[in-house]
C-alpha atoms as a PDB file:
ATOM      1  CA  MET A   1      78.590 115.102 169.412  1.00  0.00           C
ATOM      2  CA  LEU A   2      82.176 116.808 169.082  1.00  0.00           C
ATOM      3  CA  LEU A   3      84.481 114.318 166.808  1.00  0.00           C
ATOM      4  CA  LYS A   4      88.297 114.852 167.270  1.00  0.00           C
ATOM      5  CA  GLU A   5      90.640 113.801 163.800  1.00  0.00           C
ATOM      6  CA  ASN A   6      93.585 114.293 165.608  1.00  0.00           C
ATOM      7  CA  ARG A   7      96.115 115.700 162.972  1.00  0.00           C
ATOM      8  CA  GLY A   8      92.985 116.403 160.804  1.00  0.00           C
ATOM      9  CA  GLY A   9      90.777 118.735 162.413  1.00  0.00           C
ATOM     10  CA  SER A  10      87.282 118.671 163.948  1.00  0.00           C
ATOM     11  CA  ARG A  11      83.811 118.307 163.993  1.00  0.00           C
ATOM     12  CA  LEU A  12      81.163 119.378 166.381  1.00  0.00           C
ATOM     13  CA  PHE A  13      77.275 117.550 164.884  1.00  0.00           C
ATOM     14  CA  GLY A  14      74.190 119.922 166.346  1.00  0.00           C
ATOM     15  CA  PRO A  15      71.333 117.562 167.923  1.00  0.00           C
ATOM     16  CA  LYS A  16      69.128 114.777 165.211  1.00  0.00           C
ATOM     17  CA  THR A  17      67.152 118.113 164.910  1.00  0.00           C
ATOM     18  CA  SER A  18      69.929 120.109 163.139  1.00  0.00           C
ATOM     19  CA  SER A  19      71.897 118.999 160.215  1.00  0.00           C
ATOM     20  CA  THR A  20      74.244 121.843 161.277  1.00  0.00           C
ATOM     21  CA  VAL A  21      78.346 121.154 161.936  1.00  0.00           C
ATOM     22  CA  VAL A  22      80.890 123.027 162.625  1.00  0.00           C
ATOM     23  CA  THR A  23      84.323 122.199 161.951  1.00  0.00           C
ATOM     24  CA  VAL A  24      88.153 123.792 162.352  1.00  0.00           C
ATOM     25  CA  PRO A  25      90.902 123.075 161.099  1.00  0.00           C
ATOM     26  CA  ALA A  26      93.883 120.551 163.712  1.00  0.00           C
ATOM     27  CA  GLN A  27      97.480 123.558 163.602  1.00  0.00           C
ATOM     28  CA  VAL A  28      98.746 119.904 163.086  1.00  0.00           C
ATOM     29  CA  ARG A  29     103.207 119.808 164.145  1.00  0.00           C
ATOM     30  CA  PRO A  30     105.056 116.292 165.053  1.00  0.00           C
ATOM     31  CA  ILE A  31     103.973 115.230 169.385  1.00  0.00           C
ATOM     32  CA  LEU A  32     105.912 114.530 171.946  1.00  0.00           C
ATOM     33  CA  HIS A  33     103.204 113.163 173.808  1.00  0.00           C
ATOM     34  CA  SER A  34      99.544 112.241 173.531  1.00  0.00           C
ATOM     35  CA  VAL A  35      98.727 111.741 176.660  1.00  0.00           C
ATOM     36  CA  GLY A  36      95.489 113.725 178.015  1.00  0.00           C
ATOM     37  CA  VAL A  37      95.589 115.211 174.900  1.00  0.00           C
ATOM     38  CA  GLY A  38      92.204 114.788 174.224  1.00  0.00           C
ATOM     39  CA  ASP A  39      91.376 115.757 178.137  1.00  0.00           C
ATOM     40  CA  CYS A  40      93.111 119.905 177.100  1.00  0.00           C
ATOM     41  CA  PHE A  41      91.447 120.425 174.265  1.00  0.00           C
ATOM     42  CA  ASN A  42      87.826 118.741 176.471  1.00  0.00           C
ATOM     43  CA  ALA A  43      88.514 121.207 178.782  1.00  0.00           C
ATOM     44  CA  VAL A  44      89.619 124.238 176.848  1.00  0.00           C
ATOM     45  CA  PHE A  45      86.598 124.049 175.125  1.00  0.00           C
ATOM     46  CA  VAL A  46      83.828 122.852 177.827  1.00  0.00           C
ATOM     47  CA  ALA A  47      85.862 125.967 179.826  1.00  0.00           C
ATOM     48  CA  LEU A  48      85.255 129.080 176.418  1.00  0.00           C
ATOM     49  CA  ARG A  49      82.582 127.766 174.364  1.00  0.00           C
ATOM     50  CA  HIS A  50      79.677 130.128 175.959  1.00  0.00           C
ATOM     51  CA  ARG A  51      82.487 133.208 176.116  1.00  0.00           C
ATOM     52  CA  HIS A  52      83.242 132.908 172.862  1.00  0.00           C
ATOM     53  CA  GLY A  53      81.213 131.067 171.092  1.00  0.00           C
ATOM     54  CA  THR A  54      81.563 127.277 169.418  1.00  0.00           C
ATOM     55  CA  ARG A  55      83.808 127.896 166.968  1.00  0.00           C
ATOM     56  CA  ALA A  56      86.204 130.068 168.410  1.00  0.00           C
ATOM     57  CA  ALA A  57      86.501 127.712 171.221  1.00  0.00           C
ATOM     58  CA  LEU A  58      86.729 125.003 168.960  1.00  0.00           C
ATOM     59  CA  ASN A  59      90.113 126.536 167.600  1.00  0.00           C
ATOM     60  CA  TYR A  60      90.667 127.490 170.831  1.00  0.00           C
ATOM     61  CA  ALA A  61      90.902 124.542 171.678  1.00  0.00           C
ATOM     62  CA  SER A  62      92.876 122.818 169.108  1.00  0.00           C
ATOM     63  CA  SER A  63      95.468 124.669 169.464  1.00  0.00           C
ATOM     64  CA  ILE A  64      96.463 124.731 172.872  1.00  0.00           C
ATOM     65  CA  ALA A  65      95.931 121.426 172.591  1.00  0.00           C
ATOM     66  CA  ALA A  66      98.594 121.510 170.123  1.00  0.00           C
ATOM     67  CA  GLU A  67     101.017 123.105 172.598  1.00  0.00           C
ATOM     68  CA  TYR A  68      99.717 120.624 174.890  1.00  0.00           C
ATOM     69  CA  ALA A  69     101.217 118.086 173.182  1.00  0.00           C
ATOM     70  CA  SER A  70     104.203 119.888 171.792  1.00  0.00           C
ATOM     71  CA  THR A  71     105.734 119.448 175.712  1.00  0.00           C
ATOM     72  CA  ILE A  72     106.199 118.008 178.254  1.00  0.00           C
ATOM     73  CA  GLN A  73     106.983 120.735 180.264  1.00  0.00           C
ATOM     74  CA  PRO A  74     104.572 122.071 182.170  1.00  0.00           C
ATOM     75  CA  GLU A  75     105.967 125.546 182.305  1.00  0.00           C
ATOM     76  CA  GLU A  76     106.303 125.198 178.699  1.00  0.00           C
ATOM     77  CA  ILE A  77     102.387 124.651 178.480  1.00  0.00           C
ATOM     78  CA  GLN A  78     101.034 127.288 180.831  1.00  0.00           C
ATOM     79  CA  ASP A  79     103.122 130.052 179.016  1.00  0.00           C
ATOM     80  CA  ALA A  80     101.493 128.688 176.175  1.00  0.00           C
ATOM     81  CA  ALA A  81      98.303 128.513 176.456  1.00  0.00           C
ATOM     82  CA  THR A  82      98.281 131.887 177.649  1.00  0.00           C
ATOM     83  CA  ALA A  83      99.390 132.829 174.185  1.00  0.00           C
ATOM     84  CA  VAL A  84      97.300 131.485 172.878  1.00  0.00           C
ATOM     85  CA  LEU A  85      94.466 133.128 174.689  1.00  0.00           C
ATOM     86  CA  ARG A  86      95.765 136.291 174.252  1.00  0.00           C
ATOM     87  CA  ILE A  87      94.016 136.378 169.991  1.00  0.00           C
ATOM     88  CA  ASP A  88      91.433 137.670 170.098  1.00  0.00           C
ATOM     89  CA  PRO A  89      88.133 135.565 169.460  1.00  0.00           C
ATOM     90  CA  GLY A  90      87.762 137.324 166.270  1.00  0.00           C
ATOM     91  CA  GLU A  91      91.178 135.790 164.839  1.00  0.00           C
ATOM     92  CA  ILE A  92      90.958 132.924 165.799  1.00  0.00           C
ATOM     93  CA  ARG A  93      87.812 131.825 164.645  1.00  0.00           C
ATOM     94  CA  GLU A  94      89.403 132.586 160.538  1.00  0.00           C
ATOM     95  CA  LEU A  95      92.690 130.708 162.122  1.00  0.00           C
ATOM     96  CA  SER A  96      93.342 128.667 159.493  1.00  0.00           C
ATOM     97  CA  GLY A  97      95.464 125.387 159.423  1.00  0.00           C
ATOM     98  CA  VAL A  98      94.680 120.903 158.003  1.00  0.00           C
ATOM     99  CA  GLN A  99      91.067 119.788 157.755  1.00  0.00           C
ATOM    100  CA  LEU A 100      91.393 116.321 156.104  1.00  0.00           C
ATOM    101  CA  PRO A 101      88.201 114.146 157.196  1.00  0.00           C
ATOM    102  CA  TRP A 102      88.165 110.658 157.639  1.00  0.00           C
ATOM    103  CA  GLU A 103      86.313 109.148 155.966  1.00  0.00           C
ATOM    104  CA  ARG A 104      87.973 111.334 152.985  1.00  0.00           C
ATOM    105  CA  ARG A 105      91.809 109.459 154.074  1.00  0.00           C
ATOM    106  CA  PRO A 106      91.701 106.469 152.054  1.00  0.00           C
ATOM    107  CA  ALA A 107      91.105 107.326 148.748  1.00  0.00           C
ATOM    108  CA  ILE A 108      94.979 108.928 150.303  1.00  0.00           C
ATOM    109  CA  ASN A 109      96.994 106.269 148.067  1.00  0.00           C
ATOM    110  CA  VAL A 110     100.972 107.127 149.628  1.00  0.00           C
ATOM    111  CA  TYR A 111     103.339 105.560 147.245  1.00  0.00           C
ATOM    112  CA  ILE A 112     105.643 103.550 149.706  1.00  0.00           C
ATOM    113  CA  ALA A 113     109.431 104.465 147.820  1.00  0.00           C
ATOM    114  CA  ALA A 114     112.054 101.484 149.178  1.00  0.00           C
ATOM    115  CA  PRO A 115     114.449  98.204 149.482  1.00  0.00           C
ATOM    116  CA  ASP A 116     110.791  96.495 150.471  1.00  0.00           C
ATOM    117  CA  PHE A 117     113.275  93.653 149.809  1.00  0.00           C
ATOM    118  CA  ASP A 118     112.904  89.995 152.282  1.00  0.00           C
ATOM    119  CA  TRP A 119     116.132  89.769 153.053  1.00  0.00           C
ATOM    120  CA  VAL A 120     116.323  93.547 153.651  1.00  0.00           C
ATOM    121  CA  ASP A 121     115.609  95.074 157.468  1.00  0.00           C
ATOM    122  CA  ARG A 122     111.818  96.173 156.771  1.00  0.00           C
ATOM    123  CA  LYS A 123     111.179  97.584 160.570  1.00  0.00           C
ATOM    124  CA  PRO A 124     111.206 101.305 159.082  1.00  0.00           C
ATOM    125  CA  ILE A 125     109.127 100.635 156.298  1.00  0.00           C
ATOM    126  CA  GLU A 126     105.894  98.486 158.624  1.00  0.00           C
ATOM    127  CA  GLU A 127     106.514 101.129 160.876  1.00  0.00           C
ATOM    128  CA  LEU A 128     105.356 103.178 158.416  1.00  0.00           C
ATOM    129  CA  LYS A 129     102.139 101.188 157.120  1.00  0.00           C
ATOM    130  CA  GLU A 130     101.370 100.833 160.067  1.00  0.00           C
ATOM    131  CA  ALA A 131     101.414 104.838 161.050  1.00  0.00           C
ATOM    132  CA  LEU A 132      99.698 105.607 157.813  1.00  0.00           C
ATOM    133  CA  GLU A 133      96.637 102.396 158.061  1.00  0.00           C
ATOM    134  CA  TYR A 134      96.836 103.300 162.105  1.00  0.00           C
ATOM    135  CA  HIS A 135      95.853 107.107 160.758  1.00  0.00           C
ATOM    136  CA  ASN A 136      93.053 105.924 157.637  1.00  0.00           C
ATOM    137  CA  PHE A 137      95.702 105.860 155.198  1.00  0.00           C
ATOM    138  CA  THR A 138      95.778 103.721 152.350  1.00  0.00           C
ATOM    139  CA  PRO A 139     100.105 102.466 151.634  1.00  0.00           C
ATOM    140  CA  ARG A 140     100.732 101.747 148.671  1.00  0.00           C
ATOM    141  CA  MET A 141     104.073  98.494 147.656  1.00  0.00           C
ATOM    142  CA  PRO A 142     104.816  97.986 145.444  1.00  0.00           C
ATOM    143  CA  ILE A 143     106.266  95.376 146.102  1.00  0.00           C
ATOM    144  CA  ARG A 144     104.923  93.740 147.480  1.00  0.00           C
ATOM    145  CA  GLU A 145     101.837  94.542 145.172  1.00  0.00           C
ATOM    146  CA  ASN A 146     103.220  93.977 142.187  1.00  0.00           C
ATOM    147  CA  GLY A 147     106.002  91.590 142.977  1.00  0.00           C
ATOM    148  CA  GLN A 148     109.799  91.098 143.396  1.00  0.00           C
ATOM    149  CA  MET A 149     112.162  90.895 140.972  1.00  0.00           C
ATOM    150  CA  ARG A 150     114.728  88.207 141.051  1.00  0.00           C
ATOM    151  CA  ALA A 151     118.540  88.247 138.884  1.00  0.00           C
ATOM    152  CA  GLU A 152     116.858  85.069 137.365  1.00  0.00           C
ATOM    153  CA  ASP A 153     113.854  86.904 136.035  1.00  0.00           C
ATOM    154  CA  PRO A 154     113.094  86.866 132.397  1.00  0.00           C
ATOM    155  CA  PRO A 155     113.235  89.985 130.994  1.00  0.00           C
ATOM    156  CA  ALA A 156     109.345  90.058 130.023  1.00  0.00           C
ATOM    157  CA  GLU A 157     108.927  89.720 133.482  1.00  0.00           C
ATOM    158  CA  LYS A 158     110.968  92.617 134.431  1.00  0.00           C
ATOM    159  CA  SER A 159     109.318  94.647 132.730  1.00  0.00           C
ATOM    160  CA  ARG A 160     105.693  94.233 133.321  1.00  0.00           C
ATOM    161  CA  ILE A 161     107.293  94.566 137.653  1.00  0.00           C
ATOM    162  CA  ALA A 162     109.484  97.738 136.861  1.00  0.00           C
ATOM    163  CA  MET A 163     105.596  99.119 134.578  1.00  0.00           C
ATOM    164  CA  ALA A 164     103.104  97.739 137.615  1.00  0.00           C
ATOM    165  CA  ASP A 165     105.182  99.913 139.269  1.00  0.00           C
ATOM    166  CA  MET A 166     105.161 103.165 137.068  1.00  0.00           C
ATOM    167  CA  THR A 167     101.547 102.527 136.862  1.00  0.00           C
ATOM    168  CA  MET A 168     101.057 102.471 140.375  1.00  0.00           C
ATOM    169  CA  LEU A 169     103.187 105.277 141.199  1.00  0.00           C
ATOM    170  CA  GLN A 170     100.191 107.334 138.564  1.00  0.00           C
ATOM    171  CA  GLU A 171      97.251 105.902 140.811  1.00  0.00           C
ATOM    172  CA  CYS A 172      99.227 107.858 144.649  1.00  0.00           C
ATOM    173  CA  ARG A 173      98.347 110.900 145.468  1.00  0.00           C
ATOM    174  CA  LEU A 174     101.819 111.141 147.227  1.00  0.00           C
ATOM    175  CA  MET A 175     104.472 109.665 147.413  1.00  0.00           C
ATOM    176  CA  VAL A 176     106.577 108.691 151.515  1.00  0.00           C
ATOM    177  CA  ALA A 177     109.922 106.937 150.284  1.00  0.00           C
ATOM    178  CA  VAL A 178     112.394 104.894 152.624  1.00  0.00           C
ATOM    179  CA  MET A 179     116.545 106.146 152.989  1.00  0.00           C
ATOM    180  CA  LEU A 180     118.147 102.824 154.680  1.00  0.00           C
ATOM    181  CA  TYR A 181     120.714 102.674 151.860  1.00  0.00           C
ATOM    182  CA  ASP A 182     121.486 104.199 148.205  1.00  0.00           C
ATOM    183  CA  ASP A 183     118.669 101.735 146.905  1.00  0.00           C
ATOM    184  CA  PRO A 184     119.171 102.637 143.046  1.00  0.00           C
ATOM    185  CA  GLY A 185     115.508 102.110 142.545  1.00  0.00           C
ATOM    186  CA  THR A 186     113.802 104.980 144.851  1.00  0.00           C
ATOM    187  CA  LEU A 187     116.425 107.184 144.594  1.00  0.00           C
ATOM    188  CA  ILE A 188     114.982 107.012 141.175  1.00  0.00           C
ATOM    189  CA  GLU A 189     111.331 107.058 142.279  1.00  0.00           C
ATOM    190  CA  ILE A 190     111.667 110.212 144.123  1.00  0.00           C
ATOM    191  CA  GLY A 191     113.871 111.580 140.920  1.00  0.00           C
ATOM    192  CA  LEU A 192     109.672 110.232 139.102  1.00  0.00           C
ATOM    193  CA  ALA A 193     107.706 112.235 141.740  1.00  0.00           C
ATOM    194  CA  LEU A 194     109.073 115.847 142.289  1.00  0.00           C
ATOM    195  CA  GLU A 195     109.422 115.457 138.349  1.00  0.00           C
ATOM    196  CA  ARG A 196     105.572 115.226 138.303  1.00  0.00           C
ATOM    197  CA  ASN A 197     105.146 117.462 141.024  1.00  0.00           C
ATOM    198  CA  MET A 198     103.995 114.746 143.532  1.00  0.00           C
ATOM    199  CA  PRO A 199     104.231 116.050 147.436  1.00  0.00           C
ATOM    200  CA  THR A 200     107.180 113.697 148.165  1.00  0.00           C
ATOM    201  CA  LEU A 201     108.342 113.200 151.717  1.00  0.00           C
ATOM    202  CA  VAL A 202     111.970 111.209 153.008  1.00  0.00           C
ATOM    203  CA  TYR A 203     111.372 109.672 155.723  1.00  0.00           C
ATOM    204  CA  ASP A 204     115.154 108.548 156.886  1.00  0.00           C
ATOM    205  CA  PRO A 205     115.314 106.261 159.610  1.00  0.00           C
ATOM    206  CA  TYR A 206     118.840 106.183 160.197  1.00  0.00           C
ATOM    207  CA  GLY A 207     120.589 109.810 159.074  1.00  0.00           C
ATOM    208  CA  ARG A 208     121.809 108.446 155.649  1.00  0.00           C
ATOM    209  CA  ALA A 209     120.347 111.508 153.747  1.00  0.00           C
ATOM    210  CA  SER A 210     123.104 114.194 152.423  1.00  0.00           C
ATOM    211  CA  ASN A 211     123.156 114.447 149.091  1.00  0.00           C
ATOM    212  CA  LEU A 212     121.900 117.841 147.995  1.00  0.00           C
ATOM    213  CA  MET A 213     119.187 117.085 145.423  1.00  0.00           C
ATOM    214  CA  LEU A 214     117.886 115.191 148.331  1.00  0.00           C
ATOM    215  CA  THR A 215     117.639 117.273 151.556  1.00  0.00           C
ATOM    216  CA  GLN A 216     116.081 119.744 149.417  1.00  0.00           C
ATOM    217  CA  LEU A 217     114.641 118.742 147.166  1.00  0.00           C
ATOM    218  CA  PRO A 218     111.704 116.963 148.761  1.00  0.00           C
ATOM    219  CA  ASN A 219     109.083 119.272 150.688  1.00  0.00           C
ATOM    220  CA  VAL A 220     109.743 116.741 154.047  1.00  0.00           C
ATOM    221  CA  VAL A 221     113.025 115.388 155.003  1.00  0.00           C
ATOM    222  CA  SER A 222     113.453 113.472 158.575  1.00  0.00           C
ATOM    223  CA  SER A 223     114.568 110.991 160.883  1.00  0.00           C
ATOM    224  CA  ASP A 224     111.218 111.186 163.105  1.00  0.00           C
ATOM    225  CA  LEU A 225     108.909 109.354 162.148  1.00  0.00           C
ATOM    226  CA  ASP A 226     105.762 111.591 163.301  1.00  0.00           C
ATOM    227  CA  GLU A 227     107.411 114.632 161.733  1.00  0.00           C
ATOM    228  CA  VAL A 228     107.138 112.735 159.027  1.00  0.00           C
ATOM    229  CA  ILE A 229     102.962 112.044 159.592  1.00  0.00           C
ATOM    230  CA  ALA A 230     102.442 115.648 159.917  1.00  0.00           C
ATOM    231  CA  GLY A 231     104.344 116.194 157.303  1.00  0.00           C
ATOM    232  CA  VAL A 232     101.805 113.612 156.039  1.00  0.00           C
ATOM    233  CA  PHE A 233      98.933 114.902 157.160  1.00  0.00           C
ATOM    234  CA  THR A 234      99.988 118.429 156.141  1.00  0.00           C
ATOM    235  CA  LEU A 235     100.383 117.590 151.847  1.00  0.00           C
ATOM    236  CA  ALA A 236      97.312 115.538 151.665  1.00  0.00           C
ATOM    237  CA  SER A 237      95.155 117.981 153.058  1.00  0.00           C
ATOM    238  CA  LYS A 238      96.416 120.756 150.376  1.00  0.00           C
ATOM    239  CA  VAL A 239      96.169 117.693 147.765  1.00  0.00           C
ATOM    240  CA  LEU A 240      91.742 117.505 148.995  1.00  0.00           C
ATOM    241  CA  ASN A 241      91.229 120.637 148.870  1.00  0.00           C
ATOM    242  CA  ASP A 242      93.503 122.261 145.344  1.00  0.00           C
END
């Protein structure tokens, strides 16, 4: 049984009488489309398995499928596949990349720093949350989980919410901040995450990020949600394997 785990790598399970599992990493990058990517992977693996062995064939398949998903131009796909196939089988067997099994992803709590208020257009935040859940990560939403502060709240309630958010931040493995506008709370949370050496990504859907510290210090700053998700896979894999 071949389990293809999107940008988390692939696993090939042997027959019931065998405990053999062959694992290979994914070549993570932003993708342009997903139509036929699995078929591309299958075709390369089946075509090369008997010639180069299982592990090499899986790595060829993973690399060519990544190239296939990155363009819609037939000539570019052909050139990229040809370049991959020139790699020596011995080298392709040792190819590094991202390995992030499906069942380990829920343990990766992702802190969503954002002005997630009920009076804001939260569509980009929802899209990020849904994308993380689709890939089996656990997005943590401080405002939704700990409460939304009101101006008239007493100091004790405001303090409770702030401390609950800080506790949640400690429970998370990485942060994705959503820059809808220059929200002071979001900017402070980014600074706290960076000070703690927490992998930090900034999703900037409207291209508002221009401050030097904001654009240069996080691991990823992008207006492309898929590029952000690709970064989550790469950084989460490092967090789990360090």
